[in-house]
Amino acid sequence: MPYVGASLADGQLPDTVGTLFTATVSTIIRSFDVYNDGV
């Protein structure tokens, strides 16, 4: 989902910001997955 960050700002953000946003979300989701696996 490379365009999630850009779509949140209605296309006003650069692609790099959208990419960083997506990467951050993916990292957070992965962190939750690791936490759930440890429980």
PDB file of N, CA and C in Angstrom:
ATOM      1  N   MET A   1       0.843  -1.203   0.000  1.00  0.00           N
ATOM      2  CA  MET A   1       0.000   0.000   0.000  1.00  0.00           C
ATOM      3  C   MET A   1       0.878   1.253   0.000  1.00  0.00           C
ATOM      4  N   PRO A   2       1.532   1.536  -1.109  1.00  0.00           N
ATOM      5  CA  PRO A   2       2.491   2.648  -1.137  1.00  0.00           C
ATOM      6  C   PRO A   2       1.841   4.021  -1.138  1.00  0.00           C
ATOM      7  N   TYR A   3       0.553   4.101  -1.352  1.00  0.00           N
ATOM      8  CA  TYR A   3      -0.083   5.413  -1.485  1.00  0.00           C
ATOM      9  C   TYR A   3      -0.945   5.771  -0.281  1.00  0.00           C
ATOM     10  N   VAL A   4      -0.846   4.998   0.802  1.00  0.00           N
ATOM     11  CA  VAL A   4      -1.695   5.249   1.965  1.00  0.00           C
ATOM     12  C   VAL A   4      -1.423   6.633   2.542  1.00  0.00           C
ATOM     13  N   GLY A   5      -0.141   6.956   2.774  1.00  0.00           N
ATOM     14  CA  GLY A   5       0.207   8.244   3.369  1.00  0.00           C
ATOM     15  C   GLY A   5      -0.248   9.407   2.507  1.00  0.00           C
ATOM     16  N   ALA A   6      -0.053   9.296   1.204  1.00  0.00           N
ATOM     17  CA  ALA A   6      -0.427  10.391   0.309  1.00  0.00           C
ATOM     18  C   ALA A   6      -1.940  10.558   0.270  1.00  0.00           C
ATOM     19  N   SER A   7      -2.674   9.458   0.285  1.00  0.00           N
ATOM     20  CA  SER A   7      -4.127   9.553   0.195  1.00  0.00           C
ATOM     21  C   SER A   7      -4.706  10.195   1.441  1.00  0.00           C
ATOM     22  N   LEU A   8      -4.057  10.022   2.583  1.00  0.00           N
ATOM     23  CA  LEU A   8      -4.553  10.628   3.820  1.00  0.00           C
ATOM     24  C   LEU A   8      -4.529  12.145   3.723  1.00  0.00           C
ATOM     25  N   ALA A   9      -3.572  12.680   2.986  1.00  0.00           N
ATOM     26  CA  ALA A   9      -3.465  14.136   2.817  1.00  0.00           C
ATOM     27  C   ALA A   9      -4.110  14.568   1.492  1.00  0.00           C
ATOM     28  N   ASP A  10      -4.938  13.697   0.930  1.00  0.00           N
ATOM     29  CA  ASP A  10      -5.641  14.010  -0.321  1.00  0.00           C
ATOM     30  C   ASP A  10      -4.650  14.291  -1.448  1.00  0.00           C
ATOM     31  N   GLY A  11      -3.524  13.564  -1.440  1.00  0.00           N
ATOM     32  CA  GLY A  11      -2.562  13.690  -2.527  1.00  0.00           C
ATOM     33  C   GLY A  11      -1.662  14.905  -2.411  1.00  0.00           C
ATOM     34  N   GLN A  12      -1.631  15.576  -1.270  1.00  0.00           N
ATOM     35  CA  GLN A  12      -0.825  16.784  -1.124  1.00  0.00           C
ATOM     36  C   GLN A  12       0.589  16.481  -0.639  1.00  0.00           C
ATOM     37  N   LEU A  13       0.812  15.274  -0.142  1.00  0.00           N
ATOM     38  CA  LEU A  13       2.130  14.924   0.377  1.00  0.00           C
ATOM     39  C   LEU A  13       2.999  14.314  -0.718  1.00  0.00           C
ATOM     40  N   PRO A  14       4.305  14.524  -0.641  1.00  0.00           N
ATOM     41  CA  PRO A  14       5.219  13.870  -1.575  1.00  0.00           C
ATOM     42  C   PRO A  14       5.188  12.354  -1.399  1.00  0.00           C
ATOM     43  N   ASP A  15       5.588  11.634  -2.437  1.00  0.00           N
ATOM     44  CA  ASP A  15       5.582  10.167  -2.367  1.00  0.00           C
ATOM     45  C   ASP A  15       6.485   9.668  -1.254  1.00  0.00           C
ATOM     46  N   THR A  16       7.571  10.392  -0.984  1.00  0.00           N
ATOM     47  CA  THR A  16       8.504   9.926   0.040  1.00  0.00           C
ATOM     48  C   THR A  16       7.834   9.932   1.404  1.00  0.00           C
ATOM     49  N   VAL A  17       7.014  10.936   1.660  1.00  0.00           N
ATOM     50  CA  VAL A  17       6.318  10.998   2.950  1.00  0.00           C
ATOM     51  C   VAL A  17       5.347   9.828   3.065  1.00  0.00           C
ATOM     52  N   GLY A  18       4.638   9.537   1.995  1.00  0.00           N
ATOM     53  CA  GLY A  18       3.720   8.410   2.004  1.00  0.00           C
ATOM     54  C   GLY A  18       4.455   7.105   2.237  1.00  0.00           C
ATOM     55  N   THR A  19       5.628   6.973   1.627  1.00  0.00           N
ATOM     56  CA  THR A  19       6.416   5.759   1.797  1.00  0.00           C
ATOM     57  C   THR A  19       6.882   5.624   3.240  1.00  0.00           C
ATOM     58  N   LEU A  20       7.363   6.727   3.814  1.00  0.00           N
ATOM     59  CA  LEU A  20       7.815   6.685   5.205  1.00  0.00           C
ATOM     60  C   LEU A  20       6.646   6.358   6.129  1.00  0.00           C
ATOM     61  N   PHE A  21       5.487   6.941   5.851  1.00  0.00           N
ATOM     62  CA  PHE A  21       4.304   6.670   6.666  1.00  0.00           C
ATOM     63  C   PHE A  21       3.950   5.193   6.608  1.00  0.00           C
ATOM     64  N   THR A  22       3.953   4.641   5.393  1.00  0.00           N
ATOM     65  CA  THR A  22       3.619   3.227   5.227  1.00  0.00           C
ATOM     66  C   THR A  22       4.633   2.347   5.944  1.00  0.00           C
ATOM     67  N   ALA A  23       5.917   2.702   5.844  1.00  0.00           N
ATOM     68  CA  ALA A  23       6.955   1.922   6.512  1.00  0.00           C
ATOM     69  C   ALA A  23       6.771   1.964   8.024  1.00  0.00           C
ATOM     70  N   THR A  24       6.393   3.131   8.541  1.00  0.00           N
ATOM     71  CA  THR A  24       6.175   3.256   9.985  1.00  0.00           C
ATOM     72  C   THR A  24       5.004   2.388  10.428  1.00  0.00           C
ATOM     73  N   VAL A  25       3.917   2.447   9.669  1.00  0.00           N
ATOM     74  CA  VAL A  25       2.750   1.626  10.004  1.00  0.00           C
ATOM     75  C   VAL A  25       3.108   0.148   9.955  1.00  0.00           C
ATOM     76  N   SER A  26       3.865  -0.249   8.941  1.00  0.00           N
ATOM     77  CA  SER A  26       4.254  -1.652   8.818  1.00  0.00           C
ATOM     78  C   SER A  26       5.087  -2.084  10.015  1.00  0.00           C
ATOM     79  N   THR A  27       5.981  -1.192  10.461  1.00  0.00           N
ATOM     80  CA  THR A  27       6.818  -1.509  11.620  1.00  0.00           C
ATOM     81  C   THR A  27       5.964  -1.671  12.869  1.00  0.00           C
ATOM     82  N   ILE A  28       4.989  -0.783  13.035  1.00  0.00           N
ATOM     83  CA  ILE A  28       4.106  -0.874  14.207  1.00  0.00           C
ATOM     84  C   ILE A  28       3.315  -2.178  14.177  1.00  0.00           C
ATOM     85  N   ILE A  29       2.793  -2.521  12.998  1.00  0.00           N
ATOM     86  CA  ILE A  29       2.015  -3.760  12.872  1.00  0.00           C
ATOM     87  C   ILE A  29       2.908  -4.957  13.189  1.00  0.00           C
ATOM     88  N   ARG A  30       4.145  -4.923  12.691  1.00  0.00           N
ATOM     89  CA  ARG A  30       5.073  -6.024  12.955  1.00  0.00           C
ATOM     90  C   ARG A  30       5.360  -6.118  14.453  1.00  0.00           C
ATOM     91  N   SER A  31       5.478  -4.973  15.121  1.00  0.00           N
ATOM     92  CA  SER A  31       5.737  -4.977  16.556  1.00  0.00           C
ATOM     93  C   SER A  31       4.579  -5.639  17.301  1.00  0.00           C
ATOM     94  N   PHE A  32       3.352  -5.325  16.888  1.00  0.00           N
ATOM     95  CA  PHE A  32       2.193  -5.956  17.519  1.00  0.00           C
ATOM     96  C   PHE A  32       2.194  -7.459  17.249  1.00  0.00           C
ATOM     97  N   ASP A  33       2.586  -7.863  16.041  1.00  0.00           N
ATOM     98  CA  ASP A  33       2.620  -9.286  15.711  1.00  0.00           C
ATOM     99  C   ASP A  33       3.620 -10.011  16.613  1.00  0.00           C
ATOM    100  N   VAL A  34       4.776  -9.403  16.824  1.00  0.00           N
ATOM    101  CA  VAL A  34       5.790 -10.018  17.684  1.00  0.00           C
ATOM    102  C   VAL A  34       5.264 -10.102  19.111  1.00  0.00           C
ATOM    103  N   TYR A  35       4.610  -9.054  19.563  1.00  0.00           N
ATOM    104  CA  TYR A  35       4.040  -9.045  20.919  1.00  0.00           C
ATOM    105  C   TYR A  35       2.994 -10.136  21.066  1.00  0.00           C
ATOM    106  N   ASN A  36       2.129 -10.273  20.072  1.00  0.00           N
ATOM    107  CA  ASN A  36       1.084 -11.294  20.127  1.00  0.00           C
ATOM    108  C   ASN A  36       1.690 -12.690  20.123  1.00  0.00           C
ATOM    109  N   ASP A  37       2.773 -12.883  19.377  1.00  0.00           N
ATOM    110  CA  ASP A  37       3.416 -14.185  19.333  1.00  0.00           C
ATOM    111  C   ASP A  37       4.023 -14.528  20.691  1.00  0.00           C
ATOM    112  N   GLY A  38       4.460 -13.507  21.426  1.00  0.00           N
ATOM    113  CA  GLY A  38       5.108 -13.749  22.711  1.00  0.00           C
ATOM    114  C   GLY A  38       4.118 -13.999  23.837  1.00  0.00           C
ATOM    115  N   VAL A  39       2.841 -13.684  23.587  1.00  0.00           N
ATOM    116  CA  VAL A  39       1.851 -13.832  24.655  1.00  0.00           C
ATOM    117  C   VAL A  39       1.320 -15.263  24.682  1.00  0.00           C
TER     118      VAL A  39
END
